Amino acid sequence: PDFSTKTFPEKAQEIFIEAHNSLANFNKQKLHSLVTERCYPDM
C-alpha cells in the first residue's frame, strides 16, 4: 500500500547507487541484497 510512483524513483536511485558502490568495493554480501539473482551474474 505504501508504493507510489512519485516517491519510488528516489528510492530506486539510492538502490542503484548503493549497488554500484558495492560492486566497486567487491562487497558481495551487500550486493546480493540490492540486486536479484538474475542481475548479479551480469554485474
All heavy atoms as atom14 arrays in JSON, in Angstrom:
{
  "sequence": "PDFSTKTFPEKAQEIFIEAHNSLANFNKQKLHSLVTERCYPDM",
  "atom14_mask": [
    [1, 1, 1, 1, 1, 1, 1, 0, 0, 0, 0, 0, 0, 0],
    [1, 1, 1, 1, 1, 1, 1, 1, 0, 0, 0, 0, 0, 0],
    [1, 1, 1, 1, 1, 1, 1, 1, 1, 1, 1, 0, 0, 0],
    [1, 1, 1, 1, 1, 1, 0, 0, 0, 0, 0, 0, 0, 0],
    [1, 1, 1, 1, 1, 1, 1, 0, 0, 0, 0, 0, 0, 0],
    [1, 1, 1, 1, 1, 1, 1, 1, 1, 0, 0, 0, 0, 0],
    [1, 1, 1, 1, 1, 1, 1, 0, 0, 0, 0, 0, 0, 0],
    [1, 1, 1, 1, 1, 1, 1, 1, 1, 1, 1, 0, 0, 0],
    [1, 1, 1, 1, 1, 1, 1, 0, 0, 0, 0, 0, 0, 0],
    [1, 1, 1, 1, 1, 1, 1, 1, 1, 0, 0, 0, 0, 0],
    [1, 1, 1, 1, 1, 1, 1, 1, 1, 0, 0, 0, 0, 0],
    [1, 1, 1, 1, 1, 0, 0, 0, 0, 0, 0, 0, 0, 0],
    [1, 1, 1, 1, 1, 1, 1, 1, 1, 0, 0, 0, 0, 0],
    [1, 1, 1, 1, 1, 1, 1, 1, 1, 0, 0, 0, 0, 0],
    [1, 1, 1, 1, 1, 1, 1, 1, 0, 0, 0, 0, 0, 0],
    [1, 1, 1, 1, 1, 1, 1, 1, 1, 1, 1, 0, 0, 0],
    [1, 1, 1, 1, 1, 1, 1, 1, 0, 0, 0, 0, 0, 0],
    [1, 1, 1, 1, 1, 1, 1, 1, 1, 0, 0, 0, 0, 0],
    [1, 1, 1, 1, 1, 0, 0, 0, 0, 0, 0, 0, 0, 0],
    [1, 1, 1, 1, 1, 1, 1, 1, 1, 1, 0, 0, 0, 0],
    [1, 1, 1, 1, 1, 1, 1, 1, 0, 0, 0, 0, 0, 0],
    [1, 1, 1, 1, 1, 1, 0, 0, 0, 0, 0, 0, 0, 0],
    [1, 1, 1, 1, 1, 1, 1, 1, 0, 0, 0, 0, 0, 0],
    [1, 1, 1, 1, 1, 0, 0, 0, 0, 0, 0, 0, 0, 0],
    [1, 1, 1, 1, 1, 1, 1, 1, 0, 0, 0, 0, 0, 0],
    [1, 1, 1, 1, 1, 1, 1, 1, 1, 1, 1, 0, 0, 0],
    [1, 1, 1, 1, 1, 1, 1, 1, 0, 0, 0, 0, 0, 0],
    [1, 1, 1, 1, 1, 1, 1, 1, 1, 0, 0, 0, 0, 0],
    [1, 1, 1, 1, 1, 1, 1, 1, 1, 0, 0, 0, 0, 0],
    [1, 1, 1, 1, 1, 1, 1, 1, 1, 0, 0, 0, 0, 0],
    [1, 1, 1, 1, 1, 1, 1, 1, 0, 0, 0, 0, 0, 0],
    [1, 1, 1, 1, 1, 1, 1, 1, 1, 1, 0, 0, 0, 0],
    [1, 1, 1, 1, 1, 1, 0, 0, 0, 0, 0, 0, 0, 0],
    [1, 1, 1, 1, 1, 1, 1, 1, 0, 0, 0, 0, 0, 0],
    [1, 1, 1, 1, 1, 1, 1, 0, 0, 0, 0, 0, 0, 0],
    [1, 1, 1, 1, 1, 1, 1, 0, 0, 0, 0, 0, 0, 0],
    [1, 1, 1, 1, 1, 1, 1, 1, 1, 0, 0, 0, 0, 0],
    [1, 1, 1, 1, 1, 1, 1, 1, 1, 1, 1, 0, 0, 0],
    [1, 1, 1, 1, 1, 1, 0, 0, 0, 0, 0, 0, 0, 0],
    [1, 1, 1, 1, 1, 1, 1, 1, 1, 1, 1, 1, 0, 0],
    [1, 1, 1, 1, 1, 1, 1, 0, 0, 0, 0, 0, 0, 0],
    [1, 1, 1, 1, 1, 1, 1, 1, 0, 0, 0, 0, 0, 0],
    [1, 1, 1, 1, 1, 1, 1, 1, 0, 0, 0, 0, 0, 0]
  ],
  "atom14_positions": [
    [[0.8, -1.23, 0.0], [0.0, 0.0, 0.0], [0.83, 1.28, 0.0], [0.34, 2.32, -0.44], [-0.83, -0.12, 1.29], [-0.79, -1.56, 1.66], [0.53, -2.06, 1.18], [0.0, 0.0, 0.0], [0.0, 0.0, 0.0], [0.0, 0.0, 0.0], [0.0, 0.0, 0.0], [0.0, 0.0, 0.0], [0.0, 0.0, 0.0], [0.0, 0.0, 0.0]],
    [[2.07, 1.21, 0.46], [2.91, 2.41, 0.53], [3.6, 2.74, -0.79], [4.31, 3.75, -0.87], [3.98, 2.24, 1.62], [3.36, 2.05, 3.0], [2.23, 2.54, 3.2], [3.99, 1.4, 3.86], [0.0, 0.0, 0.0], [0.0, 0.0, 0.0], [0.0, 0.0, 0.0], [0.0, 0.0, 0.0], [0.0, 0.0, 0.0], [0.0, 0.0, 0.0]],
    [[3.4, 1.91, -1.8], [4.08, 2.16, -3.08], [3.46, 3.36, -3.78], [2.24, 3.5, -3.84], [3.98, 0.92, -3.98], [4.66, 1.09, -5.32], [6.02, 0.88, -5.42], [3.94, 1.46, -6.44], [6.66, 1.04, -6.64], [4.57, 1.62, -7.66], [5.93, 1.4, -7.75], [0.0, 0.0, 0.0], [0.0, 0.0, 0.0], [0.0, 0.0, 0.0]],
    [[4.32, 4.21, -4.31], [3.87, 5.4, -5.04], [4.87, 5.7, -6.15], [6.09, 5.62, -5.95], [3.75, 6.61, -4.11], [3.43, 7.78, -4.84], [0.0, 0.0, 0.0], [0.0, 0.0, 0.0], [0.0, 0.0, 0.0], [0.0, 0.0, 0.0], [0.0, 0.0, 0.0], [0.0, 0.0, 0.0], [0.0, 0.0, 0.0], [0.0, 0.0, 0.0]],
    [[4.36, 6.03, -7.32], [5.24, 6.35, -8.44], [5.95, 7.7, -8.25], [6.88, 8.0, -9.01], [4.42, 6.39, -9.74], [3.32, 7.31, -9.59], [3.88, 5.01, -10.07], [0.0, 0.0, 0.0], [0.0, 0.0, 0.0], [0.0, 0.0, 0.0], [0.0, 0.0, 0.0], [0.0, 0.0, 0.0], [0.0, 0.0, 0.0], [0.0, 0.0, 0.0]],
    [[5.52, 8.47, -7.26], [6.17, 9.77, -7.02], [7.39, 9.63, -6.1], [8.39, 10.33, -6.28], [5.16, 10.75, -6.41], [4.01, 11.08, -7.34], [3.05, 12.07, -6.69], [1.89, 12.41, -7.63], [0.92, 13.37, -6.99], [0.0, 0.0, 0.0], [0.0, 0.0, 0.0], [0.0, 0.0, 0.0], [0.0, 0.0, 0.0], [0.0, 0.0, 0.0]],
    [[7.29, 8.75, -5.11], [8.4, 8.58, -4.16], [9.34, 7.43, -4.52], [10.46, 7.38, -4.04], [7.84, 8.33, -2.75], [7.01, 7.15, -2.77], [7.0, 9.52, -2.3], [0.0, 0.0, 0.0], [0.0, 0.0, 0.0], [0.0, 0.0, 0.0], [0.0, 0.0, 0.0], [0.0, 0.0, 0.0], [0.0, 0.0, 0.0], [0.0, 0.0, 0.0]],
    [[8.87, 6.5, -5.36], [9.71, 5.34, -5.66], [10.96, 5.69, -6.47], [12.01, 5.08, -6.24], [8.89, 4.29, -6.42], [9.67, 3.06, -6.76], [9.97, 2.11, -5.8], [10.14, 2.85, -8.05], [10.71, 0.98, -6.11], [10.87, 1.73, -8.37], [11.15, 0.79, -7.4], [0.0, 0.0, 0.0], [0.0, 0.0, 0.0], [0.0, 0.0, 0.0]],
    [[10.93, 6.64, -7.43], [12.17, 6.93, -8.19], [13.35, 7.33, -7.31], [14.49, 6.93, -7.6], [11.74, 8.07, -9.13], [10.28, 7.87, -9.31], [9.78, 7.37, -8.0], [0.0, 0.0, 0.0], [0.0, 0.0, 0.0], [0.0, 0.0, 0.0], [0.0, 0.0, 0.0], [0.0, 0.0, 0.0], [0.0, 0.0, 0.0], [0.0, 0.0, 0.0]],
    [[13.13, 8.09, -6.26], [14.24, 8.46, -5.38], [14.8, 7.23, -4.65], [16.02, 7.09, -4.51], [13.76, 9.51, -4.37], [13.31, 10.81, -5.01], [12.83, 11.81, -3.98], [12.84, 11.45, -2.77], [12.44, 12.93, -4.37], [0.0, 0.0, 0.0], [0.0, 0.0, 0.0], [0.0, 0.0, 0.0], [0.0, 0.0, 0.0], [0.0, 0.0, 0.0]],
    [[13.9, 6.36, -4.21], [14.35, 5.13, -3.55], [15.09, 4.24, -4.54], [16.12, 3.62, -4.19], [13.14, 4.39, -2.97], [13.48, 3.09, -2.28], [12.23, 2.42, -1.75], [12.57, 1.08, -1.09], [11.34, 0.39, -0.6], [0.0, 0.0, 0.0], [0.0, 0.0, 0.0], [0.0, 0.0, 0.0], [0.0, 0.0, 0.0], [0.0, 0.0, 0.0]],
    [[14.62, 4.19, -5.77], [15.29, 3.37, -6.79], [16.68, 3.91, -7.1], [17.62, 3.14, -7.31], [14.44, 3.32, -8.05], [0.0, 0.0, 0.0], [0.0, 0.0, 0.0], [0.0, 0.0, 0.0], [0.0, 0.0, 0.0], [0.0, 0.0, 0.0], [0.0, 0.0, 0.0], [0.0, 0.0, 0.0], [0.0, 0.0, 0.0], [0.0, 0.0, 0.0]],
    [[16.81, 5.22, -7.11], [18.13, 5.81, -7.37], [19.11, 5.49, -6.24], [20.3, 5.24, -6.48], [18.01, 7.31, -7.56], [19.25, 7.98, -8.11], [19.03, 9.44, -8.4], [18.35, 10.14, -7.64], [19.59, 9.93, -9.5], [0.0, 0.0, 0.0], [0.0, 0.0, 0.0], [0.0, 0.0, 0.0], [0.0, 0.0, 0.0], [0.0, 0.0, 0.0]],
    [[18.64, 5.47, -5.01], [19.5, 5.1, -3.89], [19.96, 3.65, -4.01], [21.13, 3.33, -3.75], [18.76, 5.32, -2.57], [18.46, 6.78, -2.27], [17.65, 6.94, -0.98], [17.35, 5.88, -0.35], [17.34, 8.08, -0.61], [0.0, 0.0, 0.0], [0.0, 0.0, 0.0], [0.0, 0.0, 0.0], [0.0, 0.0, 0.0], [0.0, 0.0, 0.0]],
    [[19.04, 2.75, -4.39], [19.42, 1.35, -4.59], [20.44, 1.23, -5.71], [21.42, 0.47, -5.61], [18.17, 0.5, -4.89], [17.2, 0.53, -3.7], [18.55, -0.93, -5.23], [15.87, -0.13, -3.98], [0.0, 0.0, 0.0], [0.0, 0.0, 0.0], [0.0, 0.0, 0.0], [0.0, 0.0, 0.0], [0.0, 0.0, 0.0], [0.0, 0.0, 0.0]],
    [[20.25, 2.0, -6.77], [21.16, 1.97, -7.91], [22.57, 2.42, -7.49], [23.58, 1.78, -7.85], [20.6, 2.9, -9.0], [21.49, 3.05, -10.2], [21.49, 2.1, -11.2], [22.32, 4.15, -10.32], [22.3, 2.25, -12.32], [23.13, 4.3, -11.42], [23.13, 3.35, -12.42], [0.0, 0.0, 0.0], [0.0, 0.0, 0.0], [0.0, 0.0, 0.0]],
    [[22.67, 3.48, -6.7], [23.98, 3.99, -6.28], [24.65, 3.02, -5.31], [25.86, 2.72, -5.44], [23.81, 5.38, -5.64], [23.31, 6.39, -6.68], [25.13, 5.87, -5.05], [22.95, 7.75, -6.1], [0.0, 0.0, 0.0], [0.0, 0.0, 0.0], [0.0, 0.0, 0.0], [0.0, 0.0, 0.0], [0.0, 0.0, 0.0], [0.0, 0.0, 0.0]],
    [[23.9, 2.47, -4.35], [24.49, 1.54, -3.39], [24.95, 0.25, -4.06], [25.99, -0.32, -3.69], [23.48, 1.22, -2.29], [23.19, 2.4, -1.36], [22.2, 2.02, -0.27], [21.86, 0.82, -0.2], [21.8, 2.9, 0.5], [0.0, 0.0, 0.0], [0.0, 0.0, 0.0], [0.0, 0.0, 0.0], [0.0, 0.0, 0.0], [0.0, 0.0, 0.0]],
    [[24.2, -0.2, -5.05], [24.59, -1.43, -5.75], [25.9, -1.24, -6.52], [26.79, -2.11, -6.49], [23.47, -1.86, -6.7], [0.0, 0.0, 0.0], [0.0, 0.0, 0.0], [0.0, 0.0, 0.0], [0.0, 0.0, 0.0], [0.0, 0.0, 0.0], [0.0, 0.0, 0.0], [0.0, 0.0, 0.0], [0.0, 0.0, 0.0], [0.0, 0.0, 0.0]],
    [[26.07, -0.11, -7.19], [27.3, 0.12, -7.94], [28.48, 0.4, -7.01], [29.62, 0.02, -7.33], [27.09, 1.26, -8.93], [26.3, 0.87, -10.14], [24.93, 0.74, -10.12], [26.7, 0.57, -11.41], [24.51, 0.39, -11.32], [25.56, 0.27, -12.13], [0.0, 0.0, 0.0], [0.0, 0.0, 0.0], [0.0, 0.0, 0.0], [0.0, 0.0, 0.0]],
    [[28.23, 1.03, -5.88], [29.32, 1.2, -4.91], [29.75, -0.14, -4.33], [30.95, -0.38, -4.13], [28.87, 2.14, -3.79], [28.82, 3.59, -4.24], [29.55, 4.01, -5.14], [27.93, 4.37, -3.63], [0.0, 0.0, 0.0], [0.0, 0.0, 0.0], [0.0, 0.0, 0.0], [0.0, 0.0, 0.0], [0.0, 0.0, 0.0], [0.0, 0.0, 0.0]],
    [[28.81, -1.03, -4.06], [29.15, -2.36, -3.56], [29.92, -3.16, -4.62], [30.82, -3.93, -4.28], [27.88, -3.12, -3.16], [27.17, -2.42, -2.16], [0.0, 0.0, 0.0], [0.0, 0.0, 0.0], [0.0, 0.0, 0.0], [0.0, 0.0, 0.0], [0.0, 0.0, 0.0], [0.0, 0.0, 0.0], [0.0, 0.0, 0.0], [0.0, 0.0, 0.0]],
    [[29.57, -2.96, -5.88], [30.3, -3.64, -6.95], [31.73, -3.14, -7.04], [32.67, -3.93, -7.23], [29.57, -3.44, -8.28], [30.25, -4.03, -9.52], [30.31, -5.56, -9.43], [29.51, -3.61, -10.78], [0.0, 0.0, 0.0], [0.0, 0.0, 0.0], [0.0, 0.0, 0.0], [0.0, 0.0, 0.0], [0.0, 0.0, 0.0], [0.0, 0.0, 0.0]],
    [[31.92, -1.83, -6.92], [33.27, -1.27, -6.99], [34.12, -1.69, -5.8], [35.34, -1.85, -5.93], [33.19, 0.25, -7.09], [0.0, 0.0, 0.0], [0.0, 0.0, 0.0], [0.0, 0.0, 0.0], [0.0, 0.0, 0.0], [0.0, 0.0, 0.0], [0.0, 0.0, 0.0], [0.0, 0.0, 0.0], [0.0, 0.0, 0.0], [0.0, 0.0, 0.0]],
    [[33.48, -1.87, -4.63], [34.21, -2.27, -3.42], [34.24, -3.79, -3.23], [34.77, -4.25, -2.21], [33.57, -1.61, -2.19], [33.64, -0.1, -2.26], [34.57, 0.47, -2.81], [32.63, 0.55, -1.7], [0.0, 0.0, 0.0], [0.0, 0.0, 0.0], [0.0, 0.0, 0.0], [0.0, 0.0, 0.0], [0.0, 0.0, 0.0], [0.0, 0.0, 0.0]],
    [[33.66, -4.54, -4.15], [33.62, -6.01, -4.1], [32.97, -6.5, -2.8], [33.42, -7.46, -2.18], [35.03, -6.59, -4.24], [35.65, -6.33, -5.59], [36.55, -5.29, -5.76], [35.32, -7.11, -6.68], [37.11, -5.04, -7.0], [35.88, -6.87, -7.93], [36.77, -5.83, -8.09], [0.0, 0.0, 0.0], [0.0, 0.0, 0.0], [0.0, 0.0, 0.0]],
    [[31.88, -5.83, -2.42], [31.1, -6.25, -1.25], [29.97, -7.16, -1.76], [28.87, -6.7, -2.08], [30.55, -5.03, -0.52], [29.95, -5.39, 0.83], [29.76, -6.56, 1.14], [29.67, -4.38, 1.63], [0.0, 0.0, 0.0], [0.0, 0.0, 0.0], [0.0, 0.0, 0.0], [0.0, 0.0, 0.0], [0.0, 0.0, 0.0], [0.0, 0.0, 0.0]],
    [[30.24, -8.47, -1.8], [29.29, -9.4, -2.4], [28.03, -9.57, -1.55], [26.93, -9.71, -2.09], [29.96, -10.76, -2.6], [31.12, -10.73, -3.59], [31.69, -12.12, -3.78], [32.84, -12.09, -4.78], [33.41, -13.44, -4.99], [0.0, 0.0, 0.0], [0.0, 0.0, 0.0], [0.0, 0.0, 0.0], [0.0, 0.0, 0.0], [0.0, 0.0, 0.0]],
    [[28.18, -9.58, -0.23], [27.01, -9.79, 0.63], [26.0, -8.66, 0.48], [24.79, -8.89, 0.37], [27.46, -9.92, 2.08], [28.3, -11.16, 2.35], [28.71, -11.27, 3.81], [28.47, -10.35, 4.59], [29.33, -12.38, 4.17], [0.0, 0.0, 0.0], [0.0, 0.0, 0.0], [0.0, 0.0, 0.0], [0.0, 0.0, 0.0], [0.0, 0.0, 0.0]],
    [[26.47, -7.43, 0.47], [25.56, -6.3, 0.31], [25.0, -6.24, -1.1], [23.84, -5.86, -1.31], [26.28, -4.99, 0.66], [25.36, -3.79, 0.72], [26.1, -2.56, 1.21], [25.14, -1.37, 1.32], [25.86, -0.15, 1.79], [0.0, 0.0, 0.0], [0.0, 0.0, 0.0], [0.0, 0.0, 0.0], [0.0, 0.0, 0.0], [0.0, 0.0, 0.0]],
    [[25.82, -6.64, -2.08], [25.34, -6.62, -3.46], [24.21, -7.62, -3.67], [23.27, -7.35, -4.42], [26.51, -6.92, -4.4], [26.23, -6.81, -5.9], [25.81, -5.39, -6.27], [27.45, -7.22, -6.72], [0.0, 0.0, 0.0], [0.0, 0.0, 0.0], [0.0, 0.0, 0.0], [0.0, 0.0, 0.0], [0.0, 0.0, 0.0], [0.0, 0.0, 0.0]],
    [[24.26, -8.76, -2.99], [23.19, -9.75, -3.11], [21.87, -9.21, -2.56], [20.8, -9.6, -3.03], [23.57, -11.03, -2.36], [24.31, -12.01, -3.21], [23.74, -12.65, -4.28], [25.59, -12.46, -3.14], [24.61, -13.47, -4.84], [25.75, -13.37, -4.17], [0.0, 0.0, 0.0], [0.0, 0.0, 0.0], [0.0, 0.0, 0.0], [0.0, 0.0, 0.0]],
    [[21.93, -8.34, -1.58], [20.7, -7.79, -1.01], [20.14, -6.64, -1.84], [19.0, -6.22, -1.62], [20.97, -7.29, 0.42], [21.93, -6.23, 0.42], [0.0, 0.0, 0.0], [0.0, 0.0, 0.0], [0.0, 0.0, 0.0], [0.0, 0.0, 0.0], [0.0, 0.0, 0.0], [0.0, 0.0, 0.0], [0.0, 0.0, 0.0], [0.0, 0.0, 0.0]],
    [[20.91, -6.13, -2.79], [20.48, -4.98, -3.59], [20.1, -5.36, -5.02], [19.39, -4.6, -5.68], [21.59, -3.92, -3.63], [21.94, -3.28, -2.28], [23.18, -2.42, -2.42], [20.79, -2.46, -1.75], [0.0, 0.0, 0.0], [0.0, 0.0, 0.0], [0.0, 0.0, 0.0], [0.0, 0.0, 0.0], [0.0, 0.0, 0.0], [0.0, 0.0, 0.0]],
    [[20.57, -6.5, -5.51], [20.26, -6.94, -6.87], [19.69, -8.34, -6.81], [19.92, -9.09, -5.85], [21.51, -6.9, -7.79], [22.08, -5.51, -7.85], [22.57, -7.89, -7.32], [0.0, 0.0, 0.0], [0.0, 0.0, 0.0], [0.0, 0.0, 0.0], [0.0, 0.0, 0.0], [0.0, 0.0, 0.0], [0.0, 0.0, 0.0], [0.0, 0.0, 0.0]],
    [[18.96, -8.73, -7.84], [18.35, -10.06, -7.9], [19.37, -11.09, -8.37], [20.47, -10.76, -8.82], [17.15, -10.05, -8.84], [17.59, -9.67, -10.16], [16.1, -9.06, -8.37], [0.0, 0.0, 0.0], [0.0, 0.0, 0.0], [0.0, 0.0, 0.0], [0.0, 0.0, 0.0], [0.0, 0.0, 0.0], [0.0, 0.0, 0.0], [0.0, 0.0, 0.0]],
    [[18.96, -12.37, -8.26], [19.84, -13.44, -8.69], [20.06, -13.45, -10.19], [21.04, -14.02, -10.67], [19.26, -14.79, -8.25], [19.38, -15.07, -6.75], [18.42, -14.25, -5.91], [17.49, -13.66, -6.49], [18.61, -14.19, -4.68], [0.0, 0.0, 0.0], [0.0, 0.0, 0.0], [0.0, 0.0, 0.0], [0.0, 0.0, 0.0], [0.0, 0.0, 0.0]],
    [[19.18, -12.83, -10.94], [19.39, -12.72, -12.39], [20.38, -11.62, -12.73], [21.19, -11.75, -13.65], [18.06, -12.43, -13.09], [18.19, -12.17, -14.58], [16.9, -11.63, -15.16], [17.04, -11.31, -16.58], [17.45, -10.14, -17.05], [17.77, -9.17, -16.19], [17.54, -9.93, -18.34], [0.0, 0.0, 0.0], [0.0, 0.0, 0.0], [0.0, 0.0, 0.0]],
    [[20.35, -10.53, -11.98], [21.2, -9.38, -12.27], [22.62, -9.56, -11.74], [23.56, -9.0, -12.3], [20.56, -8.12, -11.67], [21.44, -6.59, -12.01], [0.0, 0.0, 0.0], [0.0, 0.0, 0.0], [0.0, 0.0, 0.0], [0.0, 0.0, 0.0], [0.0, 0.0, 0.0], [0.0, 0.0, 0.0], [0.0, 0.0, 0.0], [0.0, 0.0, 0.0]],
    [[22.79, -10.34, -10.69], [24.11, -10.47, -10.06], [25.17, -11.04, -11.01], [26.26, -10.47, -11.11], [23.99, -11.34, -8.8], [25.28, -11.5, -8.05], [25.71, -10.54, -7.14], [26.09, -12.63, -8.24], [26.9, -10.69, -6.44], [27.28, -12.78, -7.55], [27.67, -11.81, -6.65], [28.86, -11.95, -5.98], [0.0, 0.0, 0.0], [0.0, 0.0, 0.0]],
    [[24.91, -12.14, -11.74], [25.95, -12.63, -12.65], [26.32, -11.64, -13.74], [27.48, -11.57, -14.16], [25.33, -13.91, -13.24], [24.28, -14.3, -12.27], [23.75, -13.03, -11.72], [0.0, 0.0, 0.0], [0.0, 0.0, 0.0], [0.0, 0.0, 0.0], [0.0, 0.0, 0.0], [0.0, 0.0, 0.0], [0.0, 0.0, 0.0], [0.0, 0.0, 0.0]],
    [[25.34, -10.86, -14.23], [25.65, -9.88, -15.27], [26.55, -8.76, -14.75], [27.34, -8.2, -15.53], [24.35, -9.28, -15.82], [23.48, -10.34, -16.49], [24.03, -11.37, -16.9], [22.26, -10.12, -16.6], [0.0, 0.0, 0.0], [0.0, 0.0, 0.0], [0.0, 0.0, 0.0], [0.0, 0.0, 0.0], [0.0, 0.0, 0.0], [0.0, 0.0, 0.0]],
    [[26.46, -8.45, -13.47], [27.26, -7.36, -12.92], [28.69, -7.79, -12.58], [29.63, -7.01, -12.73], [26.58, -6.77, -11.69], [25.26, -6.09, -11.96], [24.59, -5.26, -10.51], [25.75, -3.94, -10.26], [0.0, 0.0, 0.0], [0.0, 0.0, 0.0], [0.0, 0.0, 0.0], [0.0, 0.0, 0.0], [0.0, 0.0, 0.0], [0.0, 0.0, 0.0]]
  ]
}
